[in-house]
Amino acid sequence: MRLFRKVALTAVSVLALTAAMSPNVHADDKDKELETRFAAADKNNDGKLTAEEAKAMPRVSKNFSRIDKAQLGYVTLEQLKSMSR
């Protein structure tokens, strides 16, 4: 019975750790995908997307003015990451 209890507690611990780590893994994957899509859309490689460049990312384009709160005429990768969280 003791062995079963140890095995059961170990299994529960592993499952709890896996569940706790899953959001971070998923977030990392989302960030990598966003970085890749941003780099492809950023045609002049200046680290910013203009409204024209953002057309390559439909959701960004649709929400461009909401993301560009300071009305600078561009959005950055960091702004997009903060909006996606």
C-alpha atoms as a PDB file:
ATOM      1  CA  MET A   1       0.000   0.000   0.000  1.00  0.00           C
ATOM      2  CA  ARG A   2       2.861   2.391   0.768  1.00  0.00           C
ATOM      3  CA  LEU A   3       4.381   1.829  -2.660  1.00  0.00           C
ATOM      4  CA  PHE A   4       1.055   2.589  -4.340  1.00  0.00           C
ATOM      5  CA  ARG A   5       0.740   5.759  -2.306  1.00  0.00           C
ATOM      6  CA  LYS A   6       4.243   6.923  -3.291  1.00  0.00           C
ATOM      7  CA  VAL A   7       3.587   6.185  -6.946  1.00  0.00           C
ATOM      8  CA  ALA A   8       0.256   7.986  -6.817  1.00  0.00           C
ATOM      9  CA  LEU A   9       1.766  11.054  -5.130  1.00  0.00           C
ATOM     10  CA  THR A  10       4.598  11.137  -7.661  1.00  0.00           C
ATOM     11  CA  ALA A  11       2.144  10.924 -10.544  1.00  0.00           C
ATOM     12  CA  VAL A  12       0.022  13.739  -9.121  1.00  0.00           C
ATOM     13  CA  SER A  13       3.124  15.877  -8.598  1.00  0.00           C
ATOM     14  CA  VAL A  14       4.301  15.340 -12.167  1.00  0.00           C
ATOM     15  CA  LEU A  15       0.867  16.183 -13.550  1.00  0.00           C
ATOM     16  CA  ALA A  16       0.679  19.330 -11.423  1.00  0.00           C
ATOM     17  CA  LEU A  17       4.102  20.490 -12.592  1.00  0.00           C
ATOM     18  CA  THR A  18       3.228  19.792 -16.218  1.00  0.00           C
ATOM     19  CA  ALA A  19      -0.006  21.744 -15.921  1.00  0.00           C
ATOM     20  CA  ALA A  20       1.765  24.639 -14.248  1.00  0.00           C
ATOM     21  CA  MET A  21       4.397  24.808 -16.988  1.00  0.00           C
ATOM     22  CA  SER A  22       2.007  24.453 -19.936  1.00  0.00           C
ATOM     23  CA  PRO A  23       0.887  28.114 -20.119  1.00  0.00           C
ATOM     24  CA  ASN A  24       4.530  29.232 -20.299  1.00  0.00           C
ATOM     25  CA  VAL A  25       5.332  26.789 -23.076  1.00  0.00           C
ATOM     26  CA  HIS A  26       2.244  27.895 -24.978  1.00  0.00           C
ATOM     27  CA  ALA A  27       3.105  31.558 -24.461  1.00  0.00           C
ATOM     28  CA  ASP A  28       6.631  30.965 -25.737  1.00  0.00           C
ATOM     29  CA  ASP A  29       5.246  29.300 -28.864  1.00  0.00           C
ATOM     30  CA  LYS A  30       2.849  32.191 -29.410  1.00  0.00           C
ATOM     31  CA  ASP A  31       5.669  34.712 -28.982  1.00  0.00           C
ATOM     32  CA  LYS A  32       7.859  32.867 -31.498  1.00  0.00           C
ATOM     33  CA  GLU A  33       5.035  32.721 -34.021  1.00  0.00           C
ATOM     34  CA  LEU A  34       4.305  36.421 -33.508  1.00  0.00           C
ATOM     35  CA  GLU A  35       8.003  37.283 -33.925  1.00  0.00           C
ATOM     36  CA  THR A  36       8.169  35.316 -37.175  1.00  0.00           C
ATOM     37  CA  ARG A  37       5.030  36.923 -38.587  1.00  0.00           C
ATOM     38  CA  PHE A  38       6.157  40.388 -37.466  1.00  0.00           C
ATOM     39  CA  ALA A  39       9.568  39.946 -39.135  1.00  0.00           C
ATOM     40  CA  ALA A  40       7.913  38.862 -42.383  1.00  0.00           C
ATOM     41  CA  ALA A  41       5.572  41.871 -42.340  1.00  0.00           C
ATOM     42  CA  ASP A  42       8.333  44.362 -41.440  1.00  0.00           C
ATOM     43  CA  LYS A  43       9.525  44.865 -45.014  1.00  0.00           C
ATOM     44  CA  ASN A  44      12.160  47.529 -44.248  1.00  0.00           C
ATOM     45  CA  ASN A  45      13.406  45.746 -41.093  1.00  0.00           C
ATOM     46  CA  ASP A  46      13.148  48.831 -38.888  1.00  0.00           C
ATOM     47  CA  GLY A  47      11.444  46.989 -36.020  1.00  0.00           C
ATOM     48  CA  LYS A  48       8.142  48.777 -36.614  1.00  0.00           C
ATOM     49  CA  LEU A  49       5.037  48.034 -38.637  1.00  0.00           C
ATOM     50  CA  THR A  50       3.343  50.873 -40.436  1.00  0.00           C
ATOM     51  CA  ALA A  51      -0.352  50.597 -41.257  1.00  0.00           C
ATOM     52  CA  GLU A  52       0.653  49.463 -44.751  1.00  0.00           C
ATOM     53  CA  GLU A  53       3.025  46.766 -43.462  1.00  0.00           C
ATOM     54  CA  ALA A  54       0.444  45.647 -40.890  1.00  0.00           C
ATOM     55  CA  LYS A  55      -1.886  44.592 -43.714  1.00  0.00           C
ATOM     56  CA  ALA A  56       0.147  41.369 -43.803  1.00  0.00           C
ATOM     57  CA  MET A  57      -1.253  40.649 -40.320  1.00  0.00           C
ATOM     58  CA  PRO A  58      -5.042  41.092 -40.618  1.00  0.00           C
ATOM     59  CA  ARG A  59      -5.830  41.287 -36.879  1.00  0.00           C
ATOM     60  CA  VAL A  60      -3.068  43.827 -36.348  1.00  0.00           C
ATOM     61  CA  SER A  61      -4.289  45.823 -39.328  1.00  0.00           C
ATOM     62  CA  LYS A  62      -7.869  45.753 -38.082  1.00  0.00           C
ATOM     63  CA  ASN A  63      -6.825  46.968 -34.612  1.00  0.00           C
ATOM     64  CA  PHE A  64      -3.941  49.206 -35.712  1.00  0.00           C
ATOM     65  CA  SER A  65      -5.267  52.455 -34.237  1.00  0.00           C
ATOM     66  CA  ARG A  66      -6.117  50.736 -30.951  1.00  0.00           C
ATOM     67  CA  ILE A  67      -2.588  49.299 -30.688  1.00  0.00           C
ATOM     68  CA  ASP A  68      -0.942  52.568 -31.771  1.00  0.00           C
ATOM     69  CA  LYS A  69      -2.341  54.483 -28.804  1.00  0.00           C
ATOM     70  CA  ALA A  70       0.215  57.295 -29.150  1.00  0.00           C
ATOM     71  CA  GLN A  71      -0.708  57.700 -32.831  1.00  0.00           C
ATOM     72  CA  LEU A  72       2.904  57.433 -33.969  1.00  0.00           C
ATOM     73  CA  GLY A  73       1.969  55.733 -37.209  1.00  0.00           C
ATOM     74  CA  TYR A  74       3.578  52.425 -36.334  1.00  0.00           C
ATOM     75  CA  VAL A  75       3.370  49.532 -33.900  1.00  0.00           C
ATOM     76  CA  THR A  76       6.208  47.521 -32.386  1.00  0.00           C
ATOM     77  CA  LEU A  77       6.620  43.858 -31.612  1.00  0.00           C
ATOM     78  CA  GLU A  78       6.530  44.624 -27.895  1.00  0.00           C
ATOM     79  CA  GLN A  79       3.179  46.381 -28.293  1.00  0.00           C
ATOM     80  CA  LEU A  80       1.788  43.359 -30.121  1.00  0.00           C
ATOM     81  CA  LYS A  81       3.106  40.982 -27.465  1.00  0.00           C
ATOM     82  CA  SER A  82       1.522  43.028 -24.691  1.00  0.00           C
ATOM     83  CA  MET A  83      -1.786  43.108 -26.553  1.00  0.00           C
ATOM     84  CA  SER A  84      -1.753  39.335 -27.020  1.00  0.00           C
ATOM     85  CA  ARG A  85      -1.407  38.614 -23.307  1.00  0.00           C
END
